[in-house]
């Protein structure tokens, strides 16, 4: 949750970063030093990937994969009961 929240904060995605923040708070990990370090690192990755459009190393690739999976699950859950 910390990597995902940091990544989406770095991309300036307020919805997904806010949701990840909320979930980290509910799990009582948001203020954990390890979570803080993961968040800060992922924030930099999110900002860099957004700016360059490229993944430069394995750490960035892992963060992007985690964030993409989180996003997929969120939108799947949100959209499953919506009928138009």
PDB file of N, CA and C in Angstrom:
ATOM      1  N   UNK A   1       0.817  -1.179   0.000  1.00  0.00           N
ATOM      2  CA  UNK A   1       0.000   0.000   0.000  1.00  0.00           C
ATOM      3  C   UNK A   1       0.874   1.261   0.000  1.00  0.00           C
ATOM      4  N   UNK A   2       2.012   1.174   0.648  1.00  0.00           N
ATOM      5  CA  UNK A   2       2.898   2.338   0.745  1.00  0.00           C
ATOM      6  C   UNK A   2       3.522   2.674  -0.605  1.00  0.00           C
ATOM      7  N   UNK A   3       3.950   1.650  -1.320  1.00  0.00           N
ATOM      8  CA  UNK A   3       4.521   1.878  -2.649  1.00  0.00           C
ATOM      9  C   UNK A   3       3.461   2.429  -3.591  1.00  0.00           C
ATOM     10  N   UNK A   4       2.285   1.845  -3.564  1.00  0.00           N
ATOM     11  CA  UNK A   4       1.195   2.282  -4.439  1.00  0.00           C
ATOM     12  C   UNK A   4       0.800   3.725  -4.137  1.00  0.00           C
ATOM     13  N   UNK A   5       0.639   4.042  -2.863  1.00  0.00           N
ATOM     14  CA  UNK A   5       0.264   5.406  -2.489  1.00  0.00           C
ATOM     15  C   UNK A   5       1.308   6.420  -2.889  1.00  0.00           C
ATOM     16  N   UNK A   6       2.560   6.085  -2.662  1.00  0.00           N
ATOM     17  CA  UNK A   6       3.631   6.993  -3.052  1.00  0.00           C
ATOM     18  C   UNK A   6       3.702   7.176  -4.552  1.00  0.00           C
ATOM     19  N   UNK A   7       3.552   6.082  -5.282  1.00  0.00           N
ATOM     20  CA  UNK A   7       3.597   6.153  -6.743  1.00  0.00           C
ATOM     21  C   UNK A   7       2.499   7.078  -7.262  1.00  0.00           C
ATOM     22  N   UNK A   8       1.271   6.861  -6.814  1.00  0.00           N
ATOM     23  CA  UNK A   8       0.169   7.685  -7.316  1.00  0.00           C
ATOM     24  C   UNK A   8       0.236   9.119  -6.807  1.00  0.00           C
ATOM     25  N   UNK A   9       0.848   9.340  -5.658  1.00  0.00           N
ATOM     26  CA  UNK A   9       1.101  10.723  -5.226  1.00  0.00           C
ATOM     27  C   UNK A   9       2.068  11.389  -6.190  1.00  0.00           C
ATOM     28  N   UNK A  10       3.079  10.651  -6.605  1.00  0.00           N
ATOM     29  CA  UNK A  10       4.062  11.173  -7.549  1.00  0.00           C
ATOM     30  C   UNK A  10       3.489  11.454  -8.923  1.00  0.00           C
ATOM     31  N   UNK A  11       2.450  10.708  -9.305  1.00  0.00           N
ATOM     32  CA  UNK A  11       1.805  10.949 -10.599  1.00  0.00           C
ATOM     33  C   UNK A  11       0.716  12.006 -10.496  1.00  0.00           C
ATOM     34  N   UNK A  12       0.459  12.472  -9.288  1.00  0.00           N
ATOM     35  CA  UNK A  12      -0.575  13.473  -8.997  1.00  0.00           C
ATOM     36  C   UNK A  12      -1.982  12.931  -9.252  1.00  0.00           C
ATOM     37  N   UNK A  13      -2.166  11.620  -9.044  1.00  0.00           N
ATOM     38  CA  UNK A  13      -3.489  11.003  -9.149  1.00  0.00           C
ATOM     39  C   UNK A  13      -4.128  11.059  -7.764  1.00  0.00           C
ATOM     40  N   UNK A  14      -4.961  12.046  -7.558  1.00  0.00           N
ATOM     41  CA  UNK A  14      -5.532  12.285  -6.235  1.00  0.00           C
ATOM     42  C   UNK A  14      -6.488  11.173  -5.793  1.00  0.00           C
ATOM     43  N   UNK A  15      -7.216  10.582  -6.732  1.00  0.00           N
ATOM     44  CA  UNK A  15      -8.150   9.515  -6.368  1.00  0.00           C
ATOM     45  C   UNK A  15      -7.409   8.287  -5.844  1.00  0.00           C
ATOM     46  N   UNK A  16      -6.497   7.746  -6.644  1.00  0.00           N
ATOM     47  CA  UNK A  16      -5.812   6.521  -6.240  1.00  0.00           C
ATOM     48  C   UNK A  16      -4.840   6.755  -5.088  1.00  0.00           C
ATOM     49  N   UNK A  17      -4.171   7.899  -5.051  1.00  0.00           N
ATOM     50  CA  UNK A  17      -3.276   8.166  -3.916  1.00  0.00           C
ATOM     51  C   UNK A  17      -4.088   8.356  -2.640  1.00  0.00           C
ATOM     52  N   UNK A  18      -5.234   9.010  -2.751  1.00  0.00           N
ATOM     53  CA  UNK A  18      -6.098   9.192  -1.581  1.00  0.00           C
ATOM     54  C   UNK A  18      -6.637   7.874  -1.066  1.00  0.00           C
ATOM     55  N   UNK A  19      -7.022   6.999  -1.972  1.00  0.00           N
ATOM     56  CA  UNK A  19      -7.522   5.685  -1.577  1.00  0.00           C
ATOM     57  C   UNK A  19      -6.416   4.864  -0.912  1.00  0.00           C
ATOM     58  N   UNK A  20      -5.232   4.886  -1.476  1.00  0.00           N
ATOM     59  CA  UNK A  20      -4.106   4.156  -0.882  1.00  0.00           C
ATOM     60  C   UNK A  20      -3.753   4.725   0.492  1.00  0.00           C
ATOM     61  N   UNK A  21      -3.804   6.046   0.630  1.00  0.00           N
ATOM     62  CA  UNK A  21      -3.550   6.679   1.929  1.00  0.00           C
ATOM     63  C   UNK A  21      -4.568   6.197   2.951  1.00  0.00           C
ATOM     64  N   UNK A  22      -5.834   6.220   2.569  1.00  0.00           N
ATOM     65  CA  UNK A  22      -6.909   5.774   3.457  1.00  0.00           C
ATOM     66  C   UNK A  22      -6.698   4.320   3.888  1.00  0.00           C
ATOM     67  N   UNK A  23      -6.351   3.467   2.940  1.00  0.00           N
ATOM     68  CA  UNK A  23      -6.144   2.054   3.258  1.00  0.00           C
ATOM     69  C   UNK A  23      -4.927   1.860   4.161  1.00  0.00           C
ATOM     70  N   UNK A  24      -3.872   2.609   3.932  1.00  0.00           N
ATOM     71  CA  UNK A  24      -2.680   2.519   4.790  1.00  0.00           C
ATOM     72  C   UNK A  24      -2.995   2.997   6.203  1.00  0.00           C
ATOM     73  N   UNK A  25      -3.814   4.047   6.318  1.00  0.00           N
ATOM     74  CA  UNK A  25      -4.223   4.528   7.638  1.00  0.00           C
ATOM     75  C   UNK A  25      -5.032   3.465   8.369  1.00  0.00           C
ATOM     76  N   UNK A  26      -5.964   2.831   7.672  1.00  0.00           N
ATOM     77  CA  UNK A  26      -6.796   1.794   8.295  1.00  0.00           C
ATOM     78  C   UNK A  26      -5.958   0.596   8.744  1.00  0.00           C
ATOM     79  N   UNK A  27      -4.858   0.340   8.062  1.00  0.00           N
ATOM     80  CA  UNK A  27      -3.971  -0.770   8.429  1.00  0.00           C
ATOM     81  C   UNK A  27      -2.915  -0.345   9.450  1.00  0.00           C
ATOM     82  N   UNK A  28      -2.969   0.914   9.865  1.00  0.00           N
ATOM     83  CA  UNK A  28      -2.019   1.466  10.842  1.00  0.00           C
ATOM     84  C   UNK A  28      -0.565   1.343  10.401  1.00  0.00           C
ATOM     85  N   UNK A  29      -0.314   1.547   9.110  1.00  0.00           N
ATOM     86  CA  UNK A  29       1.061   1.476   8.615  1.00  0.00           C
ATOM     87  C   UNK A  29       1.544   2.800   8.027  1.00  0.00           C
ATOM     88  N   UNK A  30       0.651   3.766   7.906  1.00  0.00           N
ATOM     89  CA  UNK A  30       1.000   5.000   7.209  1.00  0.00           C
ATOM     90  C   UNK A  30       2.186   5.719   7.851  1.00  0.00           C
ATOM     91  N   UNK A  31       2.275   5.708   9.161  1.00  0.00           N
ATOM     92  CA  UNK A  31       3.341   6.445   9.846  1.00  0.00           C
ATOM     93  C   UNK A  31       4.532   5.564  10.227  1.00  0.00           C
ATOM     94  N   UNK A  32       4.539   4.343   9.745  1.00  0.00           N
ATOM     95  CA  UNK A  32       5.662   3.442   9.970  1.00  0.00           C
ATOM     96  C   UNK A  32       6.862   3.938   9.156  1.00  0.00           C
ATOM     97  N   UNK A  33       8.069   3.944   9.732  1.00  0.00           N
ATOM     98  CA  UNK A  33       9.245   4.429   8.998  1.00  0.00           C
ATOM     99  C   UNK A  33       9.516   3.673   7.694  1.00  0.00           C
ATOM    100  N   UNK A  34       9.268   2.375   7.689  1.00  0.00           N
ATOM    101  CA  UNK A  34       9.479   1.600   6.464  1.00  0.00           C
ATOM    102  C   UNK A  34       8.477   2.030   5.401  1.00  0.00           C
ATOM    103  N   UNK A  35       7.236   2.219   5.805  1.00  0.00           N
ATOM    104  CA  UNK A  35       6.216   2.687   4.867  1.00  0.00           C
ATOM    105  C   UNK A  35       6.601   4.062   4.328  1.00  0.00           C
ATOM    106  N   UNK A  36       7.095   4.921   5.188  1.00  0.00           N
ATOM    107  CA  UNK A  36       7.514   6.253   4.754  1.00  0.00           C
ATOM    108  C   UNK A  36       8.623   6.195   3.716  1.00  0.00           C
ATOM    109  N   UNK A  37       9.582   5.309   3.929  1.00  0.00           N
ATOM    110  CA  UNK A  37      10.682   5.167   2.968  1.00  0.00           C
ATOM    111  C   UNK A  37      10.172   4.627   1.631  1.00  0.00           C
ATOM    112  N   UNK A  38       9.301   3.629   1.688  1.00  0.00           N
ATOM    113  CA  UNK A  38       8.710   3.085   0.459  1.00  0.00           C
ATOM    114  C   UNK A  38       7.905   4.151  -0.276  1.00  0.00           C
ATOM    115  N   UNK A  39       7.138   4.932   0.491  1.00  0.00           N
ATOM    116  CA  UNK A  39       6.298   5.984  -0.086  1.00  0.00           C
ATOM    117  C   UNK A  39       7.157   7.028  -0.804  1.00  0.00           C
ATOM    118  N   UNK A  40       8.210   7.493  -0.139  1.00  0.00           N
ATOM    119  CA  UNK A  40       9.073   8.523  -0.734  1.00  0.00           C
ATOM    120  C   UNK A  40       9.756   8.023  -2.008  1.00  0.00           C
ATOM    121  N   UNK A  41      10.240   6.794  -1.971  1.00  0.00           N
ATOM    122  CA  UNK A  41      10.894   6.232  -3.147  1.00  0.00           C
ATOM    123  C   UNK A  41       9.899   6.084  -4.302  1.00  0.00           C
ATOM    124  N   UNK A  42       8.725   5.565  -4.006  1.00  0.00           N
ATOM    125  CA  UNK A  42       7.714   5.373  -5.050  1.00  0.00           C
ATOM    126  C   UNK A  42       7.202   6.710  -5.577  1.00  0.00           C
ATOM    127  N   UNK A  43       7.158   7.725  -4.720  1.00  0.00           N
ATOM    128  CA  UNK A  43       6.764   9.067  -5.171  1.00  0.00           C
ATOM    129  C   UNK A  43       7.716   9.548  -6.270  1.00  0.00           C
ATOM    130  N   UNK A  44       9.012   9.388  -6.022  1.00  0.00           N
ATOM    131  CA  UNK A  44      10.015   9.786  -7.018  1.00  0.00           C
ATOM    132  C   UNK A  44       9.835   8.996  -8.315  1.00  0.00           C
ATOM    133  N   UNK A  45       9.562   7.711  -8.176  1.00  0.00           N
ATOM    134  CA  UNK A  45       9.352   6.874  -9.363  1.00  0.00           C
ATOM    135  C   UNK A  45       8.127   7.344 -10.134  1.00  0.00           C
ATOM    136  N   UNK A  46       7.027   7.586  -9.436  1.00  0.00           N
ATOM    137  CA  UNK A  46       5.813   8.051 -10.104  1.00  0.00           C
ATOM    138  C   UNK A  46       6.022   9.360 -10.829  1.00  0.00           C
ATOM    139  N   UNK A  47       6.718  10.285 -10.190  1.00  0.00           N
ATOM    140  CA  UNK A  47       6.987  11.581 -10.821  1.00  0.00           C
ATOM    141  C   UNK A  47       7.886  11.417 -12.042  1.00  0.00           C
ATOM    142  N   UNK A  48       8.897  10.576 -11.935  1.00  0.00           N
ATOM    143  CA  UNK A  48       9.828  10.358 -13.046  1.00  0.00           C
ATOM    144  C   UNK A  48       9.153   9.670 -14.221  1.00  0.00           C
ATOM    145  N   UNK A  49       8.422   8.608 -13.946  1.00  0.00           N
ATOM    146  CA  UNK A  49       7.759   7.867 -15.021  1.00  0.00           C
ATOM    147  C   UNK A  49       6.715   8.745 -15.704  1.00  0.00           C
ATOM    148  N   UNK A  50       6.018   9.567 -14.935  1.00  0.00           N
ATOM    149  CA  UNK A  50       5.039  10.481 -15.527  1.00  0.00           C
ATOM    150  C   UNK A  50       5.725  11.493 -16.438  1.00  0.00           C
ATOM    151  N   UNK A  51       6.857  11.996 -15.998  1.00  0.00           N
ATOM    152  CA  UNK A  51       7.573  13.015 -16.770  1.00  0.00           C
ATOM    153  C   UNK A  51       8.225  12.439 -18.026  1.00  0.00           C
ATOM    154  N   UNK A  52       8.888  11.294 -17.888  1.00  0.00           N
ATOM    155  CA  UNK A  52       9.656  10.742 -19.009  1.00  0.00           C
ATOM    156  C   UNK A  52       8.864   9.759 -19.861  1.00  0.00           C
ATOM    157  N   UNK A  53       7.844   9.146 -19.267  1.00  0.00           N
ATOM    158  CA  UNK A  53       7.082   8.132 -19.984  1.00  0.00           C
ATOM    159  C   UNK A  53       7.828   6.825 -20.150  1.00  0.00           C
ATOM    160  N   UNK A  54       8.934   6.679 -19.414  1.00  0.00           N
ATOM    161  CA  UNK A  54       9.762   5.481 -19.564  1.00  0.00           C
ATOM    162  C   UNK A  54      10.100   4.885 -18.205  1.00  0.00           C
ATOM    163  N   UNK A  55      10.263   3.577 -18.193  1.00  0.00           N
ATOM    164  CA  UNK A  55      10.714   2.856 -17.008  1.00  0.00           C
ATOM    165  C   UNK A  55      12.203   2.598 -17.193  1.00  0.00           C
ATOM    166  N   UNK A  56      13.000   3.001 -16.197  1.00  0.00           N
ATOM    167  CA  UNK A  56      14.453   2.974 -16.345  1.00  0.00           C
ATOM    168  C   UNK A  56      15.159   1.809 -15.667  1.00  0.00           C
ATOM    169  N   UNK A  57      14.537   1.207 -14.659  1.00  0.00           N
ATOM    170  CA  UNK A  57      15.206   0.112 -13.963  1.00  0.00           C
ATOM    171  C   UNK A  57      14.180  -0.821 -13.335  1.00  0.00           C
ATOM    172  N   UNK A  58      14.682  -1.861 -12.693  1.00  0.00           N
ATOM    173  CA  UNK A  58      13.813  -2.886 -12.128  1.00  0.00           C
ATOM    174  C   UNK A  58      12.949  -2.338 -10.994  1.00  0.00           C
ATOM    175  N   UNK A  59      13.479  -1.444 -10.175  1.00  0.00           N
ATOM    176  CA  UNK A  59      12.699  -0.863  -9.080  1.00  0.00           C
ATOM    177  C   UNK A  59      11.496  -0.098  -9.628  1.00  0.00           C
ATOM    178  N   UNK A  60      11.709   0.655 -10.691  1.00  0.00           N
ATOM    179  CA  UNK A  60      10.606   1.384 -11.318  1.00  0.00           C
ATOM    180  C   UNK A  60       9.591   0.413 -11.900  1.00  0.00           C
ATOM    181  N   UNK A  61      10.070  -0.643 -12.523  1.00  0.00           N
ATOM    182  CA  UNK A  61       9.177  -1.636 -13.117  1.00  0.00           C
ATOM    183  C   UNK A  61       8.290  -2.286 -12.055  1.00  0.00           C
ATOM    184  N   UNK A  62       8.867  -2.623 -10.920  1.00  0.00           N
ATOM    185  CA  UNK A  62       8.109  -3.246  -9.832  1.00  0.00           C
ATOM    186  C   UNK A  62       7.055  -2.282  -9.298  1.00  0.00           C
ATOM    187  N   UNK A  63       7.427  -1.036  -9.076  1.00  0.00           N
ATOM    188  CA  UNK A  63       6.474  -0.044  -8.568  1.00  0.00           C
ATOM    189  C   UNK A  63       5.329   0.168  -9.549  1.00  0.00           C
ATOM    190  N   UNK A  64       5.642   0.256 -10.827  1.00  0.00           N
ATOM    191  CA  UNK A  64       4.608   0.455 -11.849  1.00  0.00           C
ATOM    192  C   UNK A  64       3.671  -0.754 -11.895  1.00  0.00           C
ATOM    193  N   UNK A  65       4.209  -1.950 -11.793  1.00  0.00           N
ATOM    194  CA  UNK A  65       3.369  -3.158 -11.805  1.00  0.00           C
ATOM    195  C   UNK A  65       2.435  -3.186 -10.602  1.00  0.00           C
ATOM    196  N   UNK A  66       2.956  -2.863  -9.412  1.00  0.00           N
ATOM    197  CA  UNK A  66       2.113  -2.834  -8.214  1.00  0.00           C
ATOM    198  C   UNK A  66       1.010  -1.793  -8.356  1.00  0.00           C
ATOM    199  N   UNK A  67       1.374  -0.622  -8.843  1.00  0.00           N
ATOM    200  CA  UNK A  67       0.399   0.455  -9.001  1.00  0.00           C
ATOM    201  C   UNK A  67      -0.657   0.095 -10.041  1.00  0.00           C
ATOM    202  N   UNK A  68      -0.240  -0.514 -11.129  1.00  0.00           N
ATOM    203  CA  UNK A  68      -1.173  -0.910 -12.182  1.00  0.00           C
ATOM    204  C   UNK A  68      -2.149  -1.961 -11.677  1.00  0.00           C
ATOM    205  N   UNK A  69      -1.661  -2.918 -10.922  1.00  0.00           N
ATOM    206  CA  UNK A  69      -2.525  -3.961 -10.363  1.00  0.00           C
ATOM    207  C   UNK A  69      -3.521  -3.361  -9.368  1.00  0.00           C
ATOM    208  N   UNK A  70      -3.066  -2.445  -8.530  1.00  0.00           N
ATOM    209  CA  UNK A  70      -3.949  -1.767  -7.586  1.00  0.00           C
ATOM    210  C   UNK A  70      -5.052  -1.033  -8.341  1.00  0.00           C
ATOM    211  N   UNK A  71      -4.680  -0.280  -9.355  1.00  0.00           N
ATOM    212  CA  UNK A  71      -5.645   0.470 -10.155  1.00  0.00           C
ATOM    213  C   UNK A  71      -6.656  -0.467 -10.808  1.00  0.00           C
ATOM    214  N   UNK A  72      -6.180  -1.554 -11.367  1.00  0.00           N
ATOM    215  CA  UNK A  72      -7.074  -2.520 -12.015  1.00  0.00           C
ATOM    216  C   UNK A  72      -8.103  -3.064 -11.030  1.00  0.00           C
ATOM    217  N   UNK A  73      -7.632  -3.432  -9.836  1.00  0.00           N
ATOM    218  CA  UNK A  73      -8.537  -3.975  -8.820  1.00  0.00           C
ATOM    219  C   UNK A  73      -9.550  -2.931  -8.362  1.00  0.00           C
ATOM    220  N   UNK A  74      -9.104  -1.703  -8.169  1.00  0.00           N
ATOM    221  CA  UNK A  74     -10.003  -0.634  -7.726  1.00  0.00           C
ATOM    222  C   UNK A  74     -11.093  -0.403  -8.757  1.00  0.00           C
ATOM    223  N   UNK A  75     -10.711  -0.205 -10.005  1.00  0.00           N
ATOM    224  CA  UNK A  75     -11.706   0.086 -11.031  1.00  0.00           C
ATOM    225  C   UNK A  75     -12.609  -1.110 -11.314  1.00  0.00           C
ATOM    226  N   UNK A  76     -12.094  -2.310 -11.167  1.00  0.00           N
ATOM    227  CA  UNK A  76     -12.925  -3.502 -11.317  1.00  0.00           C
ATOM    228  C   UNK A  76     -13.982  -3.544 -10.215  1.00  0.00           C
ATOM    229  N   UNK A  77     -13.570  -3.277  -8.979  1.00  0.00           N
ATOM    230  CA  UNK A  77     -14.503  -3.290  -7.854  1.00  0.00           C
ATOM    231  C   UNK A  77     -15.535  -2.171  -7.964  1.00  0.00           C
ATOM    232  N   UNK A  78     -15.101  -1.003  -8.374  1.00  0.00           N
ATOM    233  CA  UNK A  78     -16.008   0.140  -8.486  1.00  0.00           C
ATOM    234  C   UNK A  78     -17.023  -0.091  -9.605  1.00  0.00           C
ATOM    235  N   UNK A  79     -16.574  -0.637 -10.706  1.00  0.00           N
ATOM    236  CA  UNK A  79     -17.436  -0.759 -11.867  1.00  0.00           C
ATOM    237  C   UNK A  79     -18.316  -1.992 -11.921  1.00  0.00           C
ATOM    238  N   UNK A  80     -18.102  -2.958 -11.043  1.00  0.00           N
ATOM    239  CA  UNK A  80     -18.811  -4.226 -11.189  1.00  0.00           C
ATOM    240  C   UNK A  80     -20.313  -4.121 -10.957  1.00  0.00           C
ATOM    241  N   UNK A  81     -20.770  -3.200 -10.140  1.00  0.00           N
ATOM    242  CA  UNK A  81     -22.195  -3.088  -9.850  1.00  0.00           C
ATOM    243  C   UNK A  81     -22.864  -1.908 -10.538  1.00  0.00           C
ATOM    244  N   UNK A  82     -22.146  -1.238 -11.412  1.00  0.00           N
ATOM    245  CA  UNK A  82     -22.721  -0.096 -12.119  1.00  0.00           C
ATOM    246  C   UNK A  82     -23.366  -0.596 -13.404  1.00  0.00           C
ATOM    247  N   UNK A  83     -24.650  -0.293 -13.542  1.00  0.00           N
ATOM    248  CA  UNK A  83     -25.388  -0.706 -14.732  1.00  0.00           C
ATOM    249  C   UNK A  83     -25.976   0.538 -15.379  1.00  0.00           C
ATOM    250  N   UNK A  84     -25.737   0.700 -16.679  1.00  0.00           N
ATOM    251  CA  UNK A  84     -26.303   1.837 -17.418  1.00  0.00           C
ATOM    252  C   UNK A  84     -27.241   1.335 -18.471  1.00  0.00           C
TER     253      UNK A  84
END
